[in-house]
Amino acid sequence: MLLPLDPASEDMEEACAALEERETVF
């Protein structure tokens, strides 16, 4: 899951939503 090194707030929100159900995140 590739994101900018300096992610915008919307990038963070999308990543958190996509990984919400994950018990472990790498």
mmCIF file of all heavy atoms, coordinates in Angstrom:
data_MODEL
# 
_entry.id   MODEL 
# 
loop_
_atom_site.group_PDB 
_atom_site.id 
_atom_site.type_symbol 
_atom_site.label_atom_id 
_atom_site.label_alt_id 
_atom_site.label_comp_id 
_atom_site.label_asym_id 
_atom_site.label_entity_id 
_atom_site.label_seq_id 
_atom_site.pdbx_PDB_ins_code 
_atom_site.Cartn_x 
_atom_site.Cartn_y 
_atom_site.Cartn_z 
_atom_site.occupancy 
_atom_site.B_iso_or_equiv 
_atom_site.pdbx_formal_charge 
_atom_site.auth_seq_id 
_atom_site.auth_comp_id 
_atom_site.auth_asym_id 
_atom_site.auth_atom_id 
_atom_site.pdbx_PDB_model_num 
ATOM 1   N N   . MET A 1 1  ? 0.880   -1.162  0.000  1.00 0.00 ? 1  MET A N   1 
ATOM 2   C CA  . MET A 1 1  ? 0.000   0.000   0.000  1.00 0.00 ? 1  MET A CA  1 
ATOM 3   C C   . MET A 1 1  ? 0.917   1.210   0.000  1.00 0.00 ? 1  MET A C   1 
ATOM 4   O O   . MET A 1 1  ? 1.485   1.577   1.022  1.00 0.00 ? 1  MET A O   1 
ATOM 5   C CB  . MET A 1 1  ? -0.908  -0.006  1.231  1.00 0.00 ? 1  MET A CB  1 
ATOM 6   C CG  . MET A 1 1  ? -1.811  1.223   1.332  1.00 0.00 ? 1  MET A CG  1 
ATOM 7   S SD  . MET A 1 1  ? -2.853  1.212   2.820  1.00 0.00 ? 1  MET A SD  1 
ATOM 8   C CE  . MET A 1 1  ? -4.005  -0.091  2.410  1.00 0.00 ? 1  MET A CE  1 
ATOM 9   N N   . LEU A 1 2  ? 1.107   1.816   -1.175 1.00 0.00 ? 2  LEU A N   1 
ATOM 10  C CA  . LEU A 1 2  ? 2.082   2.885   -1.345 1.00 0.00 ? 2  LEU A CA  1 
ATOM 11  C C   . LEU A 1 2  ? 1.457   4.240   -1.060 1.00 0.00 ? 2  LEU A C   1 
ATOM 12  O O   . LEU A 1 2  ? 0.418   4.599   -1.622 1.00 0.00 ? 2  LEU A O   1 
ATOM 13  C CB  . LEU A 1 2  ? 2.637   2.857   -2.767 1.00 0.00 ? 2  LEU A CB  1 
ATOM 14  C CG  . LEU A 1 2  ? 3.334   1.552   -3.174 1.00 0.00 ? 2  LEU A CG  1 
ATOM 15  C CD1 . LEU A 1 2  ? 3.716   1.593   -4.654 1.00 0.00 ? 2  LEU A CD1 1 
ATOM 16  C CD2 . LEU A 1 2  ? 4.559   1.292   -2.312 1.00 0.00 ? 2  LEU A CD2 1 
ATOM 17  N N   . LEU A 1 3  ? 2.118   4.987   -0.182 1.00 0.00 ? 3  LEU A N   1 
ATOM 18  C CA  . LEU A 1 3  ? 1.646   6.316   0.192  1.00 0.00 ? 3  LEU A CA  1 
ATOM 19  C C   . LEU A 1 3  ? 2.819   7.288   0.160  1.00 0.00 ? 3  LEU A C   1 
ATOM 20  O O   . LEU A 1 3  ? 3.969   6.882   0.369  1.00 0.00 ? 3  LEU A O   1 
ATOM 21  C CB  . LEU A 1 3  ? 1.040   6.294   1.593  1.00 0.00 ? 3  LEU A CB  1 
ATOM 22  C CG  . LEU A 1 3  ? -0.243  5.468   1.768  1.00 0.00 ? 3  LEU A CG  1 
ATOM 23  C CD1 . LEU A 1 3  ? -0.556  5.302   3.242  1.00 0.00 ? 3  LEU A CD1 1 
ATOM 24  C CD2 . LEU A 1 3  ? -1.394  6.143   1.055  1.00 0.00 ? 3  LEU A CD2 1 
ATOM 25  N N   . PRO A 1 4  ? 2.553   8.572   -0.066 1.00 0.00 ? 4  PRO A N   1 
ATOM 26  C CA  . PRO A 1 4  ? 3.651   9.552   -0.044 1.00 0.00 ? 4  PRO A CA  1 
ATOM 27  C C   . PRO A 1 4  ? 4.313   9.594   1.330  1.00 0.00 ? 4  PRO A C   1 
ATOM 28  O O   . PRO A 1 4  ? 3.660   9.397   2.356  1.00 0.00 ? 4  PRO A O   1 
ATOM 29  C CB  . PRO A 1 4  ? 2.953   10.880  -0.358 1.00 0.00 ? 4  PRO A CB  1 
ATOM 30  C CG  . PRO A 1 4  ? 1.664   10.506  -1.002 1.00 0.00 ? 4  PRO A CG  1 
ATOM 31  C CD  . PRO A 1 4  ? 1.258   9.199   -0.401 1.00 0.00 ? 4  PRO A CD  1 
ATOM 32  N N   . LEU A 1 5  ? 5.598   9.862   1.346  1.00 0.00 ? 5  LEU A N   1 
ATOM 33  C CA  . LEU A 1 5  ? 6.337   9.941   2.605  1.00 0.00 ? 5  LEU A CA  1 
ATOM 34  C C   . LEU A 1 5  ? 5.778   11.048  3.500  1.00 0.00 ? 5  LEU A C   1 
ATOM 35  O O   . LEU A 1 5  ? 5.854   10.964  4.726  1.00 0.00 ? 5  LEU A O   1 
ATOM 36  C CB  . LEU A 1 5  ? 7.816   10.190  2.298  1.00 0.00 ? 5  LEU A CB  1 
ATOM 37  C CG  . LEU A 1 5  ? 8.843   9.872   3.375  1.00 0.00 ? 5  LEU A CG  1 
ATOM 38  C CD1 . LEU A 1 5  ? 8.730   8.424   3.860  1.00 0.00 ? 5  LEU A CD1 1 
ATOM 39  C CD2 . LEU A 1 5  ? 10.253  10.148  2.868  1.00 0.00 ? 5  LEU A CD2 1 
ATOM 40  N N   . ASP A 1 6  ? 5.216   12.072  2.879  1.00 0.00 ? 6  ASP A N   1 
ATOM 41  C CA  . ASP A 1 6  ? 4.538   13.132  3.617  1.00 0.00 ? 6  ASP A CA  1 
ATOM 42  C C   . ASP A 1 6  ? 3.064   13.109  3.209  1.00 0.00 ? 6  ASP A C   1 
ATOM 43  O O   . ASP A 1 6  ? 2.607   13.938  2.419  1.00 0.00 ? 6  ASP A O   1 
ATOM 44  C CB  . ASP A 1 6  ? 5.167   14.490  3.305  1.00 0.00 ? 6  ASP A CB  1 
ATOM 45  C CG  . ASP A 1 6  ? 4.613   15.599  4.185  1.00 0.00 ? 6  ASP A CG  1 
ATOM 46  O OD1 . ASP A 1 6  ? 3.967   15.279  5.210  1.00 0.00 ? 6  ASP A OD1 1 
ATOM 47  O OD2 . ASP A 1 6  ? 4.807   16.781  3.854  1.00 0.00 ? 6  ASP A OD2 1 
ATOM 48  N N   . PRO A 1 7  ? 2.305   12.158  3.721  1.00 0.00 ? 7  PRO A N   1 
ATOM 49  C CA  . PRO A 1 7  ? 0.937   11.943  3.242  1.00 0.00 ? 7  PRO A CA  1 
ATOM 50  C C   . PRO A 1 7  ? -0.006  13.068  3.648  1.00 0.00 ? 7  PRO A C   1 
ATOM 51  O O   . PRO A 1 7  ? 0.103   13.638  4.734  1.00 0.00 ? 7  PRO A O   1 
ATOM 52  C CB  . PRO A 1 7  ? 0.536   10.620  3.902  1.00 0.00 ? 7  PRO A CB  1 
ATOM 53  C CG  . PRO A 1 7  ? 1.375   10.549  5.135  1.00 0.00 ? 7  PRO A CG  1 
ATOM 54  C CD  . PRO A 1 7  ? 2.672   11.224  4.798  1.00 0.00 ? 7  PRO A CD  1 
ATOM 55  N N   . ALA A 1 8  ? -0.938  13.372  2.753  1.00 0.00 ? 8  ALA A N   1 
ATOM 56  C CA  . ALA A 1 8  ? -1.990  14.335  3.071  1.00 0.00 ? 8  ALA A CA  1 
ATOM 57  C C   . ALA A 1 8  ? -2.989  13.681  4.019  1.00 0.00 ? 8  ALA A C   1 
ATOM 58  O O   . ALA A 1 8  ? -3.035  12.462  4.163  1.00 0.00 ? 8  ALA A O   1 
ATOM 59  C CB  . ALA A 1 8  ? -2.681  14.785  1.786  1.00 0.00 ? 8  ALA A CB  1 
ATOM 60  N N   . SER A 1 9  ? -3.808  14.499  4.660  1.00 0.00 ? 9  SER A N   1 
ATOM 61  C CA  . SER A 1 9  ? -4.770  13.966  5.637  1.00 0.00 ? 9  SER A CA  1 
ATOM 62  C C   . SER A 1 9  ? -5.731  12.980  4.987  1.00 0.00 ? 9  SER A C   1 
ATOM 63  O O   . SER A 1 9  ? -6.091  11.961  5.591  1.00 0.00 ? 9  SER A O   1 
ATOM 64  C CB  . SER A 1 9  ? -5.554  15.108  6.281  1.00 0.00 ? 9  SER A CB  1 
ATOM 65  O OG  . SER A 1 9  ? -6.219  15.888  5.288  1.00 0.00 ? 9  SER A OG  1 
ATOM 66  N N   . GLU A 1 10 ? -6.094  13.251  3.708  1.00 0.00 ? 10 GLU A N   1 
ATOM 67  C CA  . GLU A 1 10 ? -6.998  12.312  3.039  1.00 0.00 ? 10 GLU A CA  1 
ATOM 68  C C   . GLU A 1 10 ? -6.324  10.971  2.760  1.00 0.00 ? 10 GLU A C   1 
ATOM 69  O O   . GLU A 1 10 ? -6.984  9.913   2.771  1.00 0.00 ? 10 GLU A O   1 
ATOM 70  C CB  . GLU A 1 10 ? -7.552  12.912  1.738  1.00 0.00 ? 10 GLU A CB  1 
ATOM 71  C CG  . GLU A 1 10 ? -6.511  13.451  0.779  1.00 0.00 ? 10 GLU A CG  1 
ATOM 72  C CD  . GLU A 1 10 ? -6.250  14.929  0.968  1.00 0.00 ? 10 GLU A CD  1 
ATOM 73  O OE1 . GLU A 1 10 ? -6.369  15.415  2.112  1.00 0.00 ? 10 GLU A OE1 1 
ATOM 74  O OE2 . GLU A 1 10 ? -5.933  15.600  -0.042 1.00 0.00 ? 10 GLU A OE2 1 
ATOM 75  N N   . ASP A 1 11 ? -4.991  11.002  2.513  1.00 0.00 ? 11 ASP A N   1 
ATOM 76  C CA  . ASP A 1 11 ? -4.257  9.741   2.338  1.00 0.00 ? 11 ASP A CA  1 
ATOM 77  C C   . ASP A 1 11 ? -4.316  8.915   3.615  1.00 0.00 ? 11 ASP A C   1 
ATOM 78  O O   . ASP A 1 11 ? -4.515  7.701   3.579  1.00 0.00 ? 11 ASP A O   1 
ATOM 79  C CB  . ASP A 1 11 ? -2.799  10.018  1.985  1.00 0.00 ? 11 ASP A CB  1 
ATOM 80  C CG  . ASP A 1 11 ? -2.629  10.685  0.629  1.00 0.00 ? 11 ASP A CG  1 
ATOM 81  O OD1 . ASP A 1 11 ? -3.377  10.335  -0.298 1.00 0.00 ? 11 ASP A OD1 1 
ATOM 82  O OD2 . ASP A 1 11 ? -1.733  11.540  0.506  1.00 0.00 ? 11 ASP A OD2 1 
ATOM 83  N N   . MET A 1 12 ? -4.133  9.585   4.744  1.00 0.00 ? 12 MET A N   1 
ATOM 84  C CA  . MET A 1 12 ? -4.175  8.883   6.020  1.00 0.00 ? 12 MET A CA  1 
ATOM 85  C C   . MET A 1 12 ? -5.554  8.296   6.289  1.00 0.00 ? 12 MET A C   1 
ATOM 86  O O   . MET A 1 12 ? -5.679  7.149   6.736  1.00 0.00 ? 12 MET A O   1 
ATOM 87  C CB  . MET A 1 12 ? -3.784  9.840   7.156  1.00 0.00 ? 12 MET A CB  1 
ATOM 88  C CG  . MET A 1 12 ? -2.356  10.343  7.105  1.00 0.00 ? 12 MET A CG  1 
ATOM 89  S SD  . MET A 1 12 ? -1.948  11.247  8.624  1.00 0.00 ? 12 MET A SD  1 
ATOM 90  C CE  . MET A 1 12 ? -0.416  12.041  8.156  1.00 0.00 ? 12 MET A CE  1 
ATOM 91  N N   . GLU A 1 13 ? -6.559  9.080   6.003  1.00 0.00 ? 13 GLU A N   1 
ATOM 92  C CA  . GLU A 1 13 ? -7.925  8.613   6.253  1.00 0.00 ? 13 GLU A CA  1 
ATOM 93  C C   . GLU A 1 13 ? -8.261  7.401   5.405  1.00 0.00 ? 13 GLU A C   1 
ATOM 94  O O   . GLU A 1 13 ? -8.871  6.427   5.883  1.00 0.00 ? 13 GLU A O   1 
ATOM 95  C CB  . GLU A 1 13 ? -8.922  9.748   5.989  1.00 0.00 ? 13 GLU A CB  1 
ATOM 96  C CG  . GLU A 1 13 ? -8.832  10.882  7.008  1.00 0.00 ? 13 GLU A CG  1 
ATOM 97  C CD  . GLU A 1 13 ? -9.662  12.086  6.609  1.00 0.00 ? 13 GLU A CD  1 
ATOM 98  O OE1 . GLU A 1 13 ? -10.395 11.983  5.602  1.00 0.00 ? 13 GLU A OE1 1 
ATOM 99  O OE2 . GLU A 1 13 ? -9.587  13.124  7.292  1.00 0.00 ? 13 GLU A OE2 1 
ATOM 100 N N   . GLU A 1 14 ? -7.859  7.427   4.145  1.00 0.00 ? 14 GLU A N   1 
ATOM 101 C CA  . GLU A 1 14 ? -8.135  6.299   3.255  1.00 0.00 ? 14 GLU A CA  1 
ATOM 102 C C   . GLU A 1 14 ? -7.395  5.053   3.718  1.00 0.00 ? 14 GLU A C   1 
ATOM 103 O O   . GLU A 1 14 ? -7.937  3.941   3.688  1.00 0.00 ? 14 GLU A O   1 
ATOM 104 C CB  . GLU A 1 14 ? -7.734  6.654   1.824  1.00 0.00 ? 14 GLU A CB  1 
ATOM 105 C CG  . GLU A 1 14 ? -8.656  7.674   1.161  1.00 0.00 ? 14 GLU A CG  1 
ATOM 106 C CD  . GLU A 1 14 ? -8.205  8.014   -0.249 1.00 0.00 ? 14 GLU A CD  1 
ATOM 107 O OE1 . GLU A 1 14 ? -7.316  7.310   -0.778 1.00 0.00 ? 14 GLU A OE1 1 
ATOM 108 O OE2 . GLU A 1 14 ? -8.731  8.983   -0.816 1.00 0.00 ? 14 GLU A OE2 1 
ATOM 109 N N   . ALA A 1 15 ? -6.143  5.220   4.140  1.00 0.00 ? 15 ALA A N   1 
ATOM 110 C CA  . ALA A 1 15 ? -5.361  4.070   4.604  1.00 0.00 ? 15 ALA A CA  1 
ATOM 111 C C   . ALA A 1 15 ? -5.983  3.478   5.867  1.00 0.00 ? 15 ALA A C   1 
ATOM 112 O O   . ALA A 1 15 ? -6.114  2.253   5.990  1.00 0.00 ? 15 ALA A O   1 
ATOM 113 C CB  . ALA A 1 15 ? -3.918  4.488   4.869  1.00 0.00 ? 15 ALA A CB  1 
ATOM 114 N N   . CYS A 1 16 ? -6.371  4.326   6.796  1.00 0.00 ? 16 CYS A N   1 
ATOM 115 C CA  . CYS A 1 16 ? -6.980  3.834   8.036  1.00 0.00 ? 16 CYS A CA  1 
ATOM 116 C C   . CYS A 1 16 ? -8.294  3.111   7.766  1.00 0.00 ? 16 CYS A C   1 
ATOM 117 O O   . CYS A 1 16 ? -8.578  2.067   8.378  1.00 0.00 ? 16 CYS A O   1 
ATOM 118 C CB  . CYS A 1 16 ? -7.193  4.995   9.004  1.00 0.00 ? 16 CYS A CB  1 
ATOM 119 S SG  . CYS A 1 16 ? -5.671  5.673   9.701  1.00 0.00 ? 16 CYS A SG  1 
ATOM 120 N N   . ALA A 1 17 ? -9.072  3.641   6.838  1.00 0.00 ? 17 ALA A N   1 
ATOM 121 C CA  . ALA A 1 17 ? -10.344 3.002   6.509  1.00 0.00 ? 17 ALA A CA  1 
ATOM 122 C C   . ALA A 1 17 ? -10.114 1.645   5.854  1.00 0.00 ? 17 ALA A C   1 
ATOM 123 O O   . ALA A 1 17 ? -10.795 0.655   6.163  1.00 0.00 ? 17 ALA A O   1 
ATOM 124 C CB  . ALA A 1 17 ? -11.156 3.908   5.582  1.00 0.00 ? 17 ALA A CB  1 
ATOM 125 N N   . ALA A 1 18 ? -9.144  1.567   4.954  1.00 0.00 ? 18 ALA A N   1 
ATOM 126 C CA  . ALA A 1 18 ? -8.872  0.318   4.250  1.00 0.00 ? 18 ALA A CA  1 
ATOM 127 C C   . ALA A 1 18 ? -8.333  -0.756  5.187  1.00 0.00 ? 18 ALA A C   1 
ATOM 128 O O   . ALA A 1 18 ? -8.542  -1.953  4.954  1.00 0.00 ? 18 ALA A O   1 
ATOM 129 C CB  . ALA A 1 18 ? -7.877  0.567   3.123  1.00 0.00 ? 18 ALA A CB  1 
ATOM 130 N N   . LEU A 1 19 ? -7.660  -0.333  6.252  1.00 0.00 ? 19 LEU A N   1 
ATOM 131 C CA  . LEU A 1 19 ? -7.032  -1.289  7.159  1.00 0.00 ? 19 LEU A CA  1 
ATOM 132 C C   . LEU A 1 19 ? -7.795  -1.436  8.475  1.00 0.00 ? 19 LEU A C   1 
ATOM 133 O O   . LEU A 1 19 ? -7.313  -2.074  9.407  1.00 0.00 ? 19 LEU A O   1 
ATOM 134 C CB  . LEU A 1 19 ? -5.598  -0.837  7.464  1.00 0.00 ? 19 LEU A CB  1 
ATOM 135 C CG  . LEU A 1 19 ? -4.654  -0.760  6.252  1.00 0.00 ? 19 LEU A CG  1 
ATOM 136 C CD1 . LEU A 1 19 ? -3.337  -0.091  6.648  1.00 0.00 ? 19 LEU A CD1 1 
ATOM 137 C CD2 . LEU A 1 19 ? -4.392  -2.148  5.682  1.00 0.00 ? 19 LEU A CD2 1 
ATOM 138 N N   . GLU A 1 20 ? -8.991  -0.894  8.528  1.00 0.00 ? 20 GLU A N   1 
ATOM 139 C CA  . GLU A 1 20 ? -9.733  -0.842  9.790  1.00 0.00 ? 20 GLU A CA  1 
ATOM 140 C C   . GLU A 1 20 ? -9.945  -2.219  10.397 1.00 0.00 ? 20 GLU A C   1 
ATOM 141 O O   . GLU A 1 20 ? -9.876  -2.398  11.623 1.00 0.00 ? 20 GLU A O   1 
ATOM 142 C CB  . GLU A 1 20 ? -11.088 -0.170  9.556  1.00 0.00 ? 20 GLU A CB  1 
ATOM 143 C CG  . GLU A 1 20 ? -11.892 0.021   10.829 1.00 0.00 ? 20 GLU A CG  1 
ATOM 144 C CD  . GLU A 1 20 ? -13.190 0.767   10.580 1.00 0.00 ? 20 GLU A CD  1 
ATOM 145 O OE1 . GLU A 1 20 ? -13.480 1.069   9.398  1.00 0.00 ? 20 GLU A OE1 1 
ATOM 146 O OE2 . GLU A 1 20 ? -13.909 1.036   11.553 1.00 0.00 ? 20 GLU A OE2 1 
ATOM 147 N N   . GLU A 1 21 ? -10.182 -3.220  9.566  1.00 0.00 ? 21 GLU A N   1 
ATOM 148 C CA  . GLU A 1 21 ? -10.487 -4.557  10.074 1.00 0.00 ? 21 GLU A CA  1 
ATOM 149 C C   . GLU A 1 21 ? -9.247  -5.420  10.290 1.00 0.00 ? 21 GLU A C   1 
ATOM 150 O O   . GLU A 1 21 ? -9.360  -6.554  10.754 1.00 0.00 ? 21 GLU A O   1 
ATOM 151 C CB  . GLU A 1 21 ? -11.440 -5.278  9.094  1.00 0.00 ? 21 GLU A CB  1 
ATOM 152 C CG  . GLU A 1 21 ? -12.750 -4.547  8.851  1.00 0.00 ? 21 GLU A CG  1 
ATOM 153 C CD  . GLU A 1 21 ? -13.528 -4.352  10.141 1.00 0.00 ? 21 GLU A CD  1 
ATOM 154 O OE1 . GLU A 1 21 ? -13.530 -5.290  10.972 1.00 0.00 ? 21 GLU A OE1 1 
ATOM 155 O OE2 . GLU A 1 21 ? -14.114 -3.267  10.330 1.00 0.00 ? 21 GLU A OE2 1 
ATOM 156 N N   . ARG A 1 22 ? -8.102  -4.884  9.959  1.00 0.00 ? 22 ARG A N   1 
ATOM 157 C CA  . ARG A 1 22 ? -6.885  -5.685  10.099 1.00 0.00 ? 22 ARG A CA  1 
ATOM 158 C C   . ARG A 1 22 ? -6.434  -5.724  11.553 1.00 0.00 ? 22 ARG A C   1 
ATOM 159 O O   . ARG A 1 22 ? -6.331  -4.694  12.223 1.00 0.00 ? 22 ARG A O   1 
ATOM 160 C CB  . ARG A 1 22 ? -5.752  -5.107  9.242  1.00 0.00 ? 22 ARG A CB  1 
ATOM 161 C CG  . ARG A 1 22 ? -6.048  -5.033  7.764  1.00 0.00 ? 22 ARG A CG  1 
ATOM 162 C CD  . ARG A 1 22 ? -6.230  -6.378  7.114  1.00 0.00 ? 22 ARG A CD  1 
ATOM 163 N NE  . ARG A 1 22 ? -5.083  -7.270  7.314  1.00 0.00 ? 22 ARG A NE  1 
ATOM 164 C CZ  . ARG A 1 22 ? -4.899  -8.399  6.617  1.00 0.00 ? 22 ARG A CZ  1 
ATOM 165 N NH1 . ARG A 1 22 ? -5.793  -8.760  5.688  1.00 0.00 ? 22 ARG A NH1 1 
ATOM 166 N NH2 . ARG A 1 22 ? -3.864  -9.158  6.853  1.00 0.00 ? 22 ARG A NH2 1 
ATOM 167 N N   . GLU A 1 23 ? -6.138  -6.943  12.042 1.00 0.00 ? 23 GLU A N   1 
ATOM 168 C CA  . GLU A 1 23 ? -5.679  -7.084  13.420 1.00 0.00 ? 23 GLU A CA  1 
ATOM 169 C C   . GLU A 1 23 ? -4.203  -6.717  13.567 1.00 0.00 ? 23 GLU A C   1 
ATOM 170 O O   . GLU A 1 23 ? -3.766  -6.290  14.642 1.00 0.00 ? 23 GLU A O   1 
ATOM 171 C CB  . GLU A 1 23 ? -5.916  -8.515  13.892 1.00 0.00 ? 23 GLU A CB  1 
ATOM 172 C CG  . GLU A 1 23 ? -7.401  -8.873  13.946 1.00 0.00 ? 23 GLU A CG  1 
ATOM 173 C CD  . GLU A 1 23 ? -7.626  -10.354 14.186 1.00 0.00 ? 23 GLU A CD  1 
ATOM 174 O OE1 . GLU A 1 23 ? -6.651  -11.124 14.013 1.00 0.00 ? 23 GLU A OE1 1 
ATOM 175 O OE2 . GLU A 1 23 ? -8.753  -10.729 14.533 1.00 0.00 ? 23 GLU A OE2 1 
ATOM 176 N N   . THR A 1 24 ? -3.459  -6.939  12.487 1.00 0.00 ? 24 THR A N   1 
ATOM 177 C CA  . THR A 1 24 ? -2.038  -6.594  12.484 1.00 0.00 ? 24 THR A CA  1 
ATOM 178 C C   . THR A 1 24 ? -1.719  -5.856  11.204 1.00 0.00 ? 24 THR A C   1 
ATOM 179 O O   . THR A 1 24 ? -2.189  -6.240  10.124 1.00 0.00 ? 24 THR A O   1 
ATOM 180 C CB  . THR A 1 24 ? -1.153  -7.856  12.576 1.00 0.00 ? 24 THR A CB  1 
ATOM 181 O OG1 . THR A 1 24 ? -1.499  -8.595  13.743 1.00 0.00 ? 24 THR A OG1 1 
ATOM 182 C CG2 . THR A 1 24 ? 0.322   -7.480  12.619 1.00 0.00 ? 24 THR A CG2 1 
ATOM 183 N N   . VAL A 1 25 ? -0.939  -4.813  11.297 1.00 0.00 ? 25 VAL A N   1 
ATOM 184 C CA  . VAL A 1 25 ? -0.551  -4.013  10.134 1.00 0.00 ? 25 VAL A CA  1 
ATOM 185 C C   . VAL A 1 25 ? 0.969   -3.975  10.049 1.00 0.00 ? 25 VAL A C   1 
ATOM 186 O O   . VAL A 1 25 ? 1.643   -3.677  11.048 1.00 0.00 ? 25 VAL A O   1 
ATOM 187 C CB  . VAL A 1 25 ? -1.106  -2.575  10.232 1.00 0.00 ? 25 VAL A CB  1 
ATOM 188 C CG1 . VAL A 1 25 ? -0.596  -1.725  9.078  1.00 0.00 ? 25 VAL A CG1 1 
ATOM 189 C CG2 . VAL A 1 25 ? -2.631  -2.603  10.256 1.00 0.00 ? 25 VAL A CG2 1 
ATOM 190 N N   . PHE A 1 26 ? 1.493   -4.288  8.879  1.00 0.00 ? 26 PHE A N   1 
ATOM 191 C CA  . PHE A 1 26 ? 2.932   -4.165  8.632  1.00 0.00 ? 26 PHE A CA  1 
ATOM 192 C C   . PHE A 1 26 ? 3.197   -2.839  7.920  1.00 0.00 ? 26 PHE A C   1 
ATOM 193 O O   . PHE A 1 26 ? 2.435   -2.424  7.045  1.00 0.00 ? 26 PHE A O   1 
ATOM 194 C CB  . PHE A 1 26 ? 3.430   -5.314  7.745  1.00 0.00 ? 26 PHE A CB  1 
ATOM 195 C CG  . PHE A 1 26 ? 3.586   -6.619  8.472  1.00 0.00 ? 26 PHE A CG  1 
ATOM 196 C CD1 . PHE A 1 26 ? 2.472   -7.420  8.740  1.00 0.00 ? 26 PHE A CD1 1 
ATOM 197 C CD2 . PHE A 1 26 ? 4.832   -7.054  8.894  1.00 0.00 ? 26 PHE A CD2 1 
ATOM 198 C CE1 . PHE A 1 26 ? 2.601   -8.629  9.405  1.00 0.00 ? 26 PHE A CE1 1 
ATOM 199 C CE2 . PHE A 1 26 ? 4.978   -8.258  9.565  1.00 0.00 ? 26 PHE A CE2 1 
ATOM 200 C CZ  . PHE A 1 26 ? 3.853   -9.050  9.823  1.00 0.00 ? 26 PHE A CZ  1 
# 
